[in-house]
Amino acid sequence: MNQSNELNTGQPTPQPDASEQAVLAAKQTPEFILSHEGELHGVDTPEHRELVRRITACVHACDGISTAELEAGIIADMRKVIAEVLPVLQAQQAAQKKAG
């Protein structure tokens, strides 16, 4: 290991070299394949299952939206519009309940 970044003790803190950093990065990369049916193949961990669940939810939520639209940021655009319109609709609904 390379030595750098001294702590308050004055002793050098061991730092991983490039090859050790590559091994650490590889250990943090999910090691699984998700089938078209949503089945998990590979290392089965709670974290991977949660990631598969999230991916599946995103795919279903984005049904009908093209990849190009997703890459262009349509979801962020839609969230912005909803955030701007929702208070207006809620105020209208409150006014209708009050009047009626």
PDB file of N, CA and C in Angstrom:
ATOM      1  N   MET A   1       0.832  -1.192   0.000  1.00  0.00           N
ATOM      2  CA  MET A   1       0.000   0.000   0.000  1.00  0.00           C
ATOM      3  C   MET A   1       0.873   1.250   0.000  1.00  0.00           C
ATOM      4  N   ASN A   2       0.407   2.264  -0.664  1.00  0.00           N
ATOM      5  CA  ASN A   2       1.105   3.548  -0.632  1.00  0.00           C
ATOM      6  C   ASN A   2       0.827   4.223   0.699  1.00  0.00           C
ATOM      7  N   GLN A   3       1.688   5.088   1.133  1.00  0.00           N
ATOM      8  CA  GLN A   3       1.518   5.792   2.393  1.00  0.00           C
ATOM      9  C   GLN A   3       1.237   7.262   2.116  1.00  0.00           C
ATOM     10  N   SER A   4       0.152   7.781   2.689  1.00  0.00           N
ATOM     11  CA  SER A   4      -0.157   9.205   2.558  1.00  0.00           C
ATOM     12  C   SER A   4      -1.206   9.586   3.586  1.00  0.00           C
ATOM     13  N   ASN A   5      -1.560  10.856   3.627  1.00  0.00           N
ATOM     14  CA  ASN A   5      -2.604  11.360   4.525  1.00  0.00           C
ATOM     15  C   ASN A   5      -2.316  11.050   5.995  1.00  0.00           C
ATOM     16  N   GLU A   6      -1.435  11.785   6.593  1.00  0.00           N
ATOM     17  CA  GLU A   6      -1.135  11.565   8.008  1.00  0.00           C
ATOM     18  C   GLU A   6      -2.312  11.987   8.868  1.00  0.00           C
ATOM     19  N   LEU A   7      -2.600  11.186   9.893  1.00  0.00           N
ATOM     20  CA  LEU A   7      -3.649  11.507  10.851  1.00  0.00           C
ATOM     21  C   LEU A   7      -3.068  12.403  11.932  1.00  0.00           C
ATOM     22  N   ASN A   8      -3.874  12.784  12.899  1.00  0.00           N
ATOM     23  CA  ASN A   8      -3.416  13.621  13.999  1.00  0.00           C
ATOM     24  C   ASN A   8      -2.280  12.978  14.797  1.00  0.00           C
ATOM     25  N   THR A   9      -2.143  11.657  14.695  1.00  0.00           N
ATOM     26  CA  THR A   9      -1.095  10.946  15.428  1.00  0.00           C
ATOM     27  C   THR A   9       0.273  11.157  14.797  1.00  0.00           C
ATOM     28  N   GLY A  10       0.328  11.694  13.607  1.00  0.00           N
ATOM     29  CA  GLY A  10       1.580  11.869  12.915  1.00  0.00           C
ATOM     30  C   GLY A  10       1.998  10.629  12.148  1.00  0.00           C
ATOM     31  N   GLN A  11       1.242   9.553  12.295  1.00  0.00           N
ATOM     32  CA  GLN A  11       1.543   8.313  11.586  1.00  0.00           C
ATOM     33  C   GLN A  11       0.884   8.339  10.205  1.00  0.00           C
ATOM     34  N   PRO A  12       1.572   7.854   9.185  1.00  0.00           N
ATOM     35  CA  PRO A  12       0.966   7.815   7.856  1.00  0.00           C
ATOM     36  C   PRO A  12      -0.201   6.832   7.825  1.00  0.00           C
ATOM     37  N   THR A  13      -1.257   7.213   7.113  1.00  0.00           N
ATOM     38  CA  THR A  13      -2.424   6.357   6.942  1.00  0.00           C
ATOM     39  C   THR A  13      -2.227   5.547   5.666  1.00  0.00           C
ATOM     40  N   PRO A  14      -2.297   4.223   5.734  1.00  0.00           N
ATOM     41  CA  PRO A  14      -2.129   3.417   4.524  1.00  0.00           C
ATOM     42  C   PRO A  14      -3.252   3.697   3.523  1.00  0.00           C
ATOM     43  N   GLN A  15      -2.889   3.872   2.279  1.00  0.00           N
ATOM     44  CA  GLN A  15      -3.863   4.119   1.211  1.00  0.00           C
ATOM     45  C   GLN A  15      -3.736   3.012   0.173  1.00  0.00           C
ATOM     46  N   PRO A  16      -4.854   2.513  -0.348  1.00  0.00           N
ATOM     47  CA  PRO A  16      -4.773   1.456  -1.353  1.00  0.00           C
ATOM     48  C   PRO A  16      -4.117   1.982  -2.631  1.00  0.00           C
ATOM     49  N   ASP A  17      -3.293   1.124  -3.258  1.00  0.00           N
ATOM     50  CA  ASP A  17      -2.713   1.517  -4.536  1.00  0.00           C
ATOM     51  C   ASP A  17      -3.747   1.271  -5.632  1.00  0.00           C
ATOM     52  N   ALA A  18      -3.396   1.529  -6.880  1.00  0.00           N
ATOM     53  CA  ALA A  18      -4.358   1.456  -7.990  1.00  0.00           C
ATOM     54  C   ALA A  18      -4.965   0.071  -8.129  1.00  0.00           C
ATOM     55  N   SER A  19      -4.166  -0.979  -7.996  1.00  0.00           N
ATOM     56  CA  SER A  19      -4.707  -2.329  -8.155  1.00  0.00           C
ATOM     57  C   SER A  19      -5.662  -2.670  -7.011  1.00  0.00           C
ATOM     58  N   GLU A  20      -5.339  -2.230  -5.810  1.00  0.00           N
ATOM     59  CA  GLU A  20      -6.227  -2.466  -4.675  1.00  0.00           C
ATOM     60  C   GLU A  20      -7.523  -1.669  -4.816  1.00  0.00           C
ATOM     61  N   GLN A  21      -7.429  -0.466  -5.353  1.00  0.00           N
ATOM     62  CA  GLN A  21      -8.630   0.339  -5.582  1.00  0.00           C
ATOM     63  C   GLN A  21      -9.537  -0.332  -6.603  1.00  0.00           C
ATOM     64  N   ALA A  22      -8.964  -0.941  -7.643  1.00  0.00           N
ATOM     65  CA  ALA A  22      -9.757  -1.643  -8.655  1.00  0.00           C
ATOM     66  C   ALA A  22     -10.489  -2.823  -8.034  1.00  0.00           C
ATOM     67  N   VAL A  23      -9.812  -3.552  -7.145  1.00  0.00           N
ATOM     68  CA  VAL A  23     -10.455  -4.686  -6.475  1.00  0.00           C
ATOM     69  C   VAL A  23     -11.594  -4.194  -5.591  1.00  0.00           C
ATOM     70  N   LEU A  24     -11.372  -3.104  -4.853  1.00  0.00           N
ATOM     71  CA  LEU A  24     -12.420  -2.548  -3.999  1.00  0.00           C
ATOM     72  C   LEU A  24     -13.611  -2.089  -4.823  1.00  0.00           C
ATOM     73  N   ALA A  25     -13.357  -1.442  -5.951  1.00  0.00           N
ATOM     74  CA  ALA A  25     -14.446  -0.975  -6.824  1.00  0.00           C
ATOM     75  C   ALA A  25     -15.221  -2.157  -7.377  1.00  0.00           C
ATOM     76  N   ALA A  26     -14.528  -3.216  -7.763  1.00  0.00           N
ATOM     77  CA  ALA A  26     -15.201  -4.396  -8.311  1.00  0.00           C
ATOM     78  C   ALA A  26     -16.099  -5.046  -7.269  1.00  0.00           C
ATOM     79  N   LYS A  27     -15.680  -5.020  -6.013  1.00  0.00           N
ATOM     80  CA  LYS A  27     -16.493  -5.602  -4.947  1.00  0.00           C
ATOM     81  C   LYS A  27     -17.765  -4.804  -4.720  1.00  0.00           C
ATOM     82  N   GLN A  28     -17.783  -3.531  -5.055  1.00  0.00           N
ATOM     83  CA  GLN A  28     -18.946  -2.680  -4.838  1.00  0.00           C
ATOM     84  C   GLN A  28     -19.903  -2.704  -6.019  1.00  0.00           C
ATOM     85  N   THR A  29     -19.499  -3.289  -7.130  1.00  0.00           N
ATOM     86  CA  THR A  29     -20.336  -3.343  -8.320  1.00  0.00           C
ATOM     87  C   THR A  29     -21.315  -4.511  -8.189  1.00  0.00           C
ATOM     88  N   PRO A  30     -22.615  -4.265  -8.401  1.00  0.00           N
ATOM     89  CA  PRO A  30     -23.571  -5.377  -8.339  1.00  0.00           C
ATOM     90  C   PRO A  30     -23.185  -6.469  -9.322  1.00  0.00           C
ATOM     91  N   GLU A  31     -23.272  -7.714  -8.868  1.00  0.00           N
ATOM     92  CA  GLU A  31     -22.914  -8.849  -9.696  1.00  0.00           C
ATOM     93  C   GLU A  31     -24.141  -9.709  -9.936  1.00  0.00           C
ATOM     94  N   PHE A  32     -25.016  -9.237 -10.817  1.00  0.00           N
ATOM     95  CA  PHE A  32     -26.202  -9.989 -11.151  1.00  0.00           C
ATOM     96  C   PHE A  32     -26.695  -9.591 -12.533  1.00  0.00           C
ATOM     97  N   ILE A  33     -27.577 -10.415 -13.054  1.00  0.00           N
ATOM     98  CA  ILE A  33     -28.236 -10.128 -14.329  1.00  0.00           C
ATOM     99  C   ILE A  33     -29.725 -10.144 -14.056  1.00  0.00           C
ATOM    100  N   LEU A  34     -30.423  -9.202 -14.607  1.00  0.00           N
ATOM    101  CA  LEU A  34     -31.879  -9.126 -14.473  1.00  0.00           C
ATOM    102  C   LEU A  34     -32.485  -9.567 -15.785  1.00  0.00           C
ATOM    103  N   SER A  35     -33.324 -10.612 -15.752  1.00  0.00           N
ATOM    104  CA  SER A  35     -33.947 -11.114 -16.978  1.00  0.00           C
ATOM    105  C   SER A  35     -35.099 -10.203 -17.391  1.00  0.00           C
ATOM    106  N   HIS A  36     -35.592 -10.411 -18.615  1.00  0.00           N
ATOM    107  CA  HIS A  36     -36.740  -9.639 -19.106  1.00  0.00           C
ATOM    108  C   HIS A  36     -37.969  -9.858 -18.228  1.00  0.00           C
ATOM    109  N   GLU A  37     -38.030 -10.999 -17.568  1.00  0.00           N
ATOM    110  CA  GLU A  37     -39.160 -11.319 -16.706  1.00  0.00           C
ATOM    111  C   GLU A  37     -38.987 -10.772 -15.294  1.00  0.00           C
ATOM    112  N   GLY A  38     -37.862 -10.097 -15.031  1.00  0.00           N
ATOM    113  CA  GLY A  38     -37.609  -9.534 -13.721  1.00  0.00           C
ATOM    114  C   GLY A  38     -36.974 -10.504 -12.747  1.00  0.00           C
ATOM    115  N   GLU A  39     -36.440 -11.617 -13.274  1.00  0.00           N
ATOM    116  CA  GLU A  39     -35.792 -12.595 -12.405  1.00  0.00           C
ATOM    117  C   GLU A  39     -34.335 -12.220 -12.187  1.00  0.00           C
ATOM    118  N   LEU A  40     -33.862 -12.442 -10.968  1.00  0.00           N
ATOM    119  CA  LEU A  40     -32.493 -12.129 -10.578  1.00  0.00           C
ATOM    120  C   LEU A  40     -31.622 -13.358 -10.768  1.00  0.00           C
ATOM    121  N   HIS A  41     -30.527 -13.204 -11.529  1.00  0.00           N
ATOM    122  CA  HIS A  41     -29.564 -14.279 -11.732  1.00  0.00           C
ATOM    123  C   HIS A  41     -28.202 -13.761 -11.289  1.00  0.00           C
ATOM    124  N   GLY A  42     -27.533 -14.497 -10.428  1.00  0.00           N
ATOM    125  CA  GLY A  42     -26.222 -14.077  -9.954  1.00  0.00           C
ATOM    126  C   GLY A  42     -26.199 -14.025  -8.447  1.00  0.00           C
ATOM    127  N   VAL A  43     -25.414 -13.103  -7.905  1.00  0.00           N
ATOM    128  CA  VAL A  43     -25.266 -12.979  -6.463  1.00  0.00           C
ATOM    129  C   VAL A  43     -26.580 -12.471  -5.878  1.00  0.00           C
ATOM    130  N   ASP A  44     -27.168 -13.262  -5.005  1.00  0.00           N
ATOM    131  CA  ASP A  44     -28.470 -12.931  -4.421  1.00  0.00           C
ATOM    132  C   ASP A  44     -28.258 -12.327  -3.037  1.00  0.00           C
ATOM    133  N   THR A  45     -28.417 -11.001  -2.956  1.00  0.00           N
ATOM    134  CA  THR A  45     -28.291 -10.303  -1.674  1.00  0.00           C
ATOM    135  C   THR A  45     -29.526  -9.427  -1.494  1.00  0.00           C
ATOM    136  N   PRO A  46     -29.835  -9.018  -0.277  1.00  0.00           N
ATOM    137  CA  PRO A  46     -30.970  -8.112  -0.068  1.00  0.00           C
ATOM    138  C   PRO A  46     -30.814  -6.806  -0.861  1.00  0.00           C
ATOM    139  N   GLU A  47     -29.575  -6.306  -0.967  1.00  0.00           N
ATOM    140  CA  GLU A  47     -29.338  -5.064  -1.708  1.00  0.00           C
ATOM    141  C   GLU A  47     -29.634  -5.250  -3.191  1.00  0.00           C
ATOM    142  N   HIS A  48     -29.220  -6.392  -3.748  1.00  0.00           N
ATOM    143  CA  HIS A  48     -29.494  -6.657  -5.164  1.00  0.00           C
ATOM    144  C   HIS A  48     -30.987  -6.825  -5.400  1.00  0.00           C
ATOM    145  N   ARG A  49     -31.665  -7.515  -4.489  1.00  0.00           N
ATOM    146  CA  ARG A  49     -33.118  -7.682  -4.643  1.00  0.00           C
ATOM    147  C   ARG A  49     -33.824  -6.324  -4.618  1.00  0.00           C
ATOM    148  N   GLU A  50     -33.374  -5.430  -3.742  1.00  0.00           N
ATOM    149  CA  GLU A  50     -33.976  -4.092  -3.677  1.00  0.00           C
ATOM    150  C   GLU A  50     -33.695  -3.320  -4.963  1.00  0.00           C
ATOM    151  N   LEU A  51     -32.496  -3.468  -5.498  1.00  0.00           N
ATOM    152  CA  LEU A  51     -32.152  -2.808  -6.756  1.00  0.00           C
ATOM    153  C   LEU A  51     -33.005  -3.347  -7.899  1.00  0.00           C
ATOM    154  N   VAL A  52     -33.203  -4.662  -7.945  1.00  0.00           N
ATOM    155  CA  VAL A  52     -34.057  -5.274  -8.964  1.00  0.00           C
ATOM    156  C   VAL A  52     -35.490  -4.759  -8.815  1.00  0.00           C
ATOM    157  N   ARG A  53     -35.961  -4.677  -7.589  1.00  0.00           N
ATOM    158  CA  ARG A  53     -37.320  -4.157  -7.338  1.00  0.00           C
ATOM    159  C   ARG A  53     -37.465  -2.729  -7.860  1.00  0.00           C
ATOM    160  N   ARG A  54     -36.438  -1.901  -7.606  1.00  0.00           N
ATOM    161  CA  ARG A  54     -36.462  -0.506  -8.054  1.00  0.00           C
ATOM    162  C   ARG A  54     -36.424  -0.416  -9.577  1.00  0.00           C
ATOM    163  N   ILE A  55     -35.565  -1.203 -10.203  1.00  0.00           N
ATOM    164  CA  ILE A  55     -35.472  -1.202 -11.666  1.00  0.00           C
ATOM    165  C   ILE A  55     -36.806  -1.619 -12.268  1.00  0.00           C
ATOM    166  N   THR A  56     -37.390  -2.675 -11.722  1.00  0.00           N
ATOM    167  CA  THR A  56     -38.678  -3.161 -12.230  1.00  0.00           C
ATOM    168  C   THR A  56     -39.755  -2.088 -12.091  1.00  0.00           C
ATOM    169  N   ALA A  57     -39.804  -1.413 -10.951  1.00  0.00           N
ATOM    170  CA  ALA A  57     -40.793  -0.345 -10.742  1.00  0.00           C
ATOM    171  C   ALA A  57     -40.577   0.790 -11.743  1.00  0.00           C
ATOM    172  N   CYS A  58     -39.330   1.144 -11.990  1.00  0.00           N
ATOM    173  CA  CYS A  58     -39.026   2.221 -12.942  1.00  0.00           C
ATOM    174  C   CYS A  58     -39.448   1.847 -14.353  1.00  0.00           C
ATOM    175  N   VAL A  59     -39.157   0.615 -14.745  1.00  0.00           N
ATOM    176  CA  VAL A  59     -39.533   0.157 -16.091  1.00  0.00           C
ATOM    177  C   VAL A  59     -41.044   0.214 -16.257  1.00  0.00           C
ATOM    178  N   HIS A  60     -41.779  -0.266 -15.261  1.00  0.00           N
ATOM    179  CA  HIS A  60     -43.248  -0.242 -15.344  1.00  0.00           C
ATOM    180  C   HIS A  60     -43.777   1.191 -15.335  1.00  0.00           C
ATOM    181  N   ALA A  61     -43.202   2.049 -14.505  1.00  0.00           N
ATOM    182  CA  ALA A  61     -43.661   3.440 -14.424  1.00  0.00           C
ATOM    183  C   ALA A  61     -43.398   4.205 -15.711  1.00  0.00           C
ATOM    184  N   CYS A  62     -42.374   3.804 -16.440  1.00  0.00           N
ATOM    185  CA  CYS A  62     -41.993   4.525 -17.667  1.00  0.00           C
ATOM    186  C   CYS A  62     -42.576   3.897 -18.928  1.00  0.00           C
ATOM    187  N   ASP A  63     -43.477   2.942 -18.762  1.00  0.00           N
ATOM    188  CA  ASP A  63     -44.107   2.306 -19.919  1.00  0.00           C
ATOM    189  C   ASP A  63     -44.747   3.368 -20.804  1.00  0.00           C
ATOM    190  N   GLY A  64     -44.426   3.341 -22.077  1.00  0.00           N
ATOM    191  CA  GLY A  64     -44.979   4.298 -23.023  1.00  0.00           C
ATOM    192  C   GLY A  64     -44.110   5.526 -23.237  1.00  0.00           C
ATOM    193  N   ILE A  65     -43.052   5.672 -22.466  1.00  0.00           N
ATOM    194  CA  ILE A  65     -42.131   6.798 -22.626  1.00  0.00           C
ATOM    195  C   ILE A  65     -40.892   6.271 -23.342  1.00  0.00           C
ATOM    196  N   SER A  66     -40.505   6.919 -24.418  1.00  0.00           N
ATOM    197  CA  SER A  66     -39.360   6.442 -25.188  1.00  0.00           C
ATOM    198  C   SER A  66     -38.056   6.645 -24.423  1.00  0.00           C
ATOM    199  N   THR A  67     -37.058   5.866 -24.784  1.00  0.00           N
ATOM    200  CA  THR A  67     -35.738   6.004 -24.174  1.00  0.00           C
ATOM    201  C   THR A  67     -35.173   7.395 -24.435  1.00  0.00           C
ATOM    202  N   ALA A  68     -35.370   7.901 -25.628  1.00  0.00           N
ATOM    203  CA  ALA A  68     -34.884   9.250 -25.965  1.00  0.00           C
ATOM    204  C   ALA A  68     -35.520  10.297 -25.053  1.00  0.00           C
ATOM    205  N   GLU A  69     -36.819  10.159 -24.791  1.00  0.00           N
ATOM    206  CA  GLU A  69     -37.490  11.098 -23.886  1.00  0.00           C
ATOM    207  C   GLU A  69     -36.937  10.986 -22.467  1.00  0.00           C
ATOM    208  N   LEU A  70     -36.683   9.752 -22.027  1.00  0.00           N
ATOM    209  CA  LEU A  70     -36.116   9.555 -20.691  1.00  0.00           C
ATOM    210  C   LEU A  70     -34.738  10.192 -20.599  1.00  0.00           C
ATOM    211  N   GLU A  71     -33.909   9.977 -21.620  1.00  0.00           N
ATOM    212  CA  GLU A  71     -32.566  10.552 -21.630  1.00  0.00           C
ATOM    213  C   GLU A  71     -32.603  12.071 -21.690  1.00  0.00           C
ATOM    214  N   ALA A  72     -33.648  12.613 -22.296  1.00  0.00           N
ATOM    215  CA  ALA A  72     -33.780  14.073 -22.409  1.00  0.00           C
ATOM    216  C   ALA A  72     -34.309  14.709 -21.123  1.00  0.00           C
ATOM    217  N   GLY A  73     -34.730  13.894 -20.154  1.00  0.00           N
ATOM    218  CA  GLY A  73     -35.157  14.443 -18.871  1.00  0.00           C
ATOM    219  C   GLY A  73     -36.648  14.654 -18.713  1.00  0.00           C
ATOM    220  N   ILE A  74     -37.449  13.896 -19.439  1.00  0.00           N
ATOM    221  CA  ILE A  74     -38.899  14.103 -19.377  1.00  0.00           C
ATOM    222  C   ILE A  74     -39.471  13.870 -17.981  1.00  0.00           C
ATOM    223  N   ILE A  75     -38.903  12.959 -17.214  1.00  0.00           N
ATOM    224  CA  ILE A  75     -39.424  12.695 -15.871  1.00  0.00           C
ATOM    225  C   ILE A  75     -39.227  13.920 -14.983  1.00  0.00           C
ATOM    226  N   ALA A  76     -38.047  14.511 -15.038  1.00  0.00           N
ATOM    227  CA  ALA A  76     -37.798  15.727 -14.256  1.00  0.00           C
ATOM    228  C   ALA A  76     -38.732  16.847 -14.708  1.00  0.00           C
ATOM    229  N   ASP A  77     -38.951  16.949 -16.018  1.00  0.00           N
ATOM    230  CA  ASP A  77     -39.875  17.967 -16.542  1.00  0.00           C
ATOM    231  C   ASP A  77     -41.291  17.740 -16.019  1.00  0.00           C
ATOM    232  N   MET A  78     -41.733  16.484 -16.029  1.00  0.00           N
ATOM    233  CA  MET A  78     -43.080  16.172 -15.544  1.00  0.00           C
ATOM    234  C   MET A  78     -43.213  16.475 -14.050  1.00  0.00           C
ATOM    235  N   ARG A  79     -42.186  16.140 -13.291  1.00  0.00           N
ATOM    236  CA  ARG A  79     -42.229  16.426 -11.847  1.00  0.00           C
ATOM    237  C   ARG A  79     -42.319  17.924 -11.596  1.00  0.00           C
ATOM    238  N   LYS A  80     -41.603  18.711 -12.402  1.00  0.00           N
ATOM    239  CA  LYS A  80     -41.637  20.165 -12.252  1.00  0.00           C
ATOM    240  C   LYS A  80     -43.040  20.702 -12.551  1.00  0.00           C
ATOM    241  N   VAL A  81     -43.645  20.231 -13.631  1.00  0.00           N
ATOM    242  CA  VAL A  81     -44.986  20.680 -14.004  1.00  0.00           C
ATOM    243  C   VAL A  81     -45.996  20.304 -12.918  1.00  0.00           C
ATOM    244  N   ILE A  82     -45.905  19.078 -12.429  1.00  0.00           N
ATOM    245  CA  ILE A  82     -46.827  18.632 -11.371  1.00  0.00           C
ATOM    246  C   ILE A  82     -46.662  19.496 -10.126  1.00  0.00           C
ATOM    247  N   ALA A  83     -45.426  19.800  -9.757  1.00  0.00           N
ATOM    248  CA  ALA A  83     -45.171  20.633  -8.579  1.00  0.00           C
ATOM    249  C   ALA A  83     -45.765  22.026  -8.743  1.00  0.00           C
ATOM    250  N   GLU A  84     -45.807  22.521  -9.971  1.00  0.00           N
ATOM    251  CA  GLU A  84     -46.359  23.854 -10.219  1.00  0.00           C
ATOM    252  C   GLU A  84     -47.884  23.831 -10.309  1.00  0.00           C
ATOM    253  N   VAL A  85     -48.447  22.774 -10.873  1.00  0.00           N
ATOM    254  CA  VAL A  85     -49.884  22.702 -11.114  1.00  0.00           C
ATOM    255  C   VAL A  85     -50.657  22.191  -9.898  1.00  0.00           C
ATOM    256  N   LEU A  86     -50.071  21.295  -9.144  1.00  0.00           N
ATOM    257  CA  LEU A  86     -50.781  20.676  -8.029  1.00  0.00           C
ATOM    258  C   LEU A  86     -51.331  21.684  -7.023  1.00  0.00           C
ATOM    259  N   PRO A  87     -50.578  22.679  -6.587  1.00  0.00           N
ATOM    260  CA  PRO A  87     -51.147  23.650  -5.642  1.00  0.00           C
ATOM    261  C   PRO A  87     -52.351  24.405  -6.220  1.00  0.00           C
ATOM    262  N   VAL A  88     -52.325  24.685  -7.509  1.00  0.00           N
ATOM    263  CA  VAL A  88     -53.449  25.372  -8.152  1.00  0.00           C
ATOM    264  C   VAL A  88     -54.679  24.477  -8.124  1.00  0.00           C
ATOM    265  N   LEU A  89     -54.507  23.210  -8.474  1.00  0.00           N
ATOM    266  CA  LEU A  89     -55.635  22.272  -8.468  1.00  0.00           C
ATOM    267  C   LEU A  89     -56.172  22.059  -7.046  1.00  0.00           C
ATOM    268  N   GLN A  90     -55.269  21.981  -6.072  1.00  0.00           N
ATOM    269  CA  GLN A  90     -55.710  21.821  -4.686  1.00  0.00           C
ATOM    270  C   GLN A  90     -56.475  23.039  -4.205  1.00  0.00           C
ATOM    271  N   ALA A  91     -56.061  24.221  -4.593  1.00  0.00           N
ATOM    272  CA  ALA A  91     -56.775  25.454  -4.223  1.00  0.00           C
ATOM    273  C   ALA A  91     -58.144  25.489  -4.870  1.00  0.00           C
ATOM    274  N   GLN A  92     -58.237  25.084  -6.121  1.00  0.00           N
ATOM    275  CA  GLN A  92     -59.538  25.026  -6.805  1.00  0.00           C
ATOM    276  C   GLN A  92     -60.472  24.034  -6.115  1.00  0.00           C
ATOM    277  N   GLN A  93     -59.942  22.896  -5.759  1.00  0.00           N
ATOM    278  CA  GLN A  93     -60.752  21.873  -5.092  1.00  0.00           C
ATOM    279  C   GLN A  93     -61.232  22.377  -3.728  1.00  0.00           C
ATOM    280  N   ALA A  94     -60.373  23.027  -2.997  1.00  0.00           N
ATOM    281  CA  ALA A  94     -60.750  23.573  -1.684  1.00  0.00           C
ATOM    282  C   ALA A  94     -61.833  24.636  -1.856  1.00  0.00           C
ATOM    283  N   ALA A  95     -61.702  25.477  -2.872  1.00  0.00           N
ATOM    284  CA  ALA A  95     -62.702  26.520  -3.127  1.00  0.00           C
ATOM    285  C   ALA A  95     -64.052  25.904  -3.494  1.00  0.00           C
ATOM    286  N   GLN A  96     -64.037  24.847  -4.280  1.00  0.00           N
ATOM    287  CA  GLN A  96     -65.282  24.173  -4.669  1.00  0.00           C
ATOM    288  C   GLN A  96     -65.964  23.548  -3.458  1.00  0.00           C
ATOM    289  N   LYS A  97     -65.191  22.930  -2.578  1.00  0.00           N
ATOM    290  CA  LYS A  97     -65.774  22.336  -1.372  1.00  0.00           C
ATOM    291  C   LYS A  97     -66.370  23.388  -0.472  1.00  0.00           C
ATOM    292  N   LYS A  98     -65.686  24.523  -0.380  1.00  0.00           N
ATOM    293  CA  LYS A  98     -66.156  25.621   0.461  1.00  0.00           C
ATOM    294  C   LYS A  98     -67.444  26.228  -0.099  1.00  0.00           C
ATOM    295  N   ALA A  99     -67.539  26.336  -1.424  1.00  0.00           N
ATOM    296  CA  ALA A  99     -68.711  26.929  -2.081  1.00  0.00           C
ATOM    297  C   ALA A  99     -69.876  25.964  -2.135  1.00  0.00           C
ATOM    298  N   GLY A 100     -69.606  24.711  -2.124  1.00  0.00           N
ATOM    299  CA  GLY A 100     -70.670  23.758  -2.386  1.00  0.00           C
ATOM    300  C   GLY A 100     -71.055  22.928  -1.273  1.00  0.00           C
TER     301      GLY A 100
END
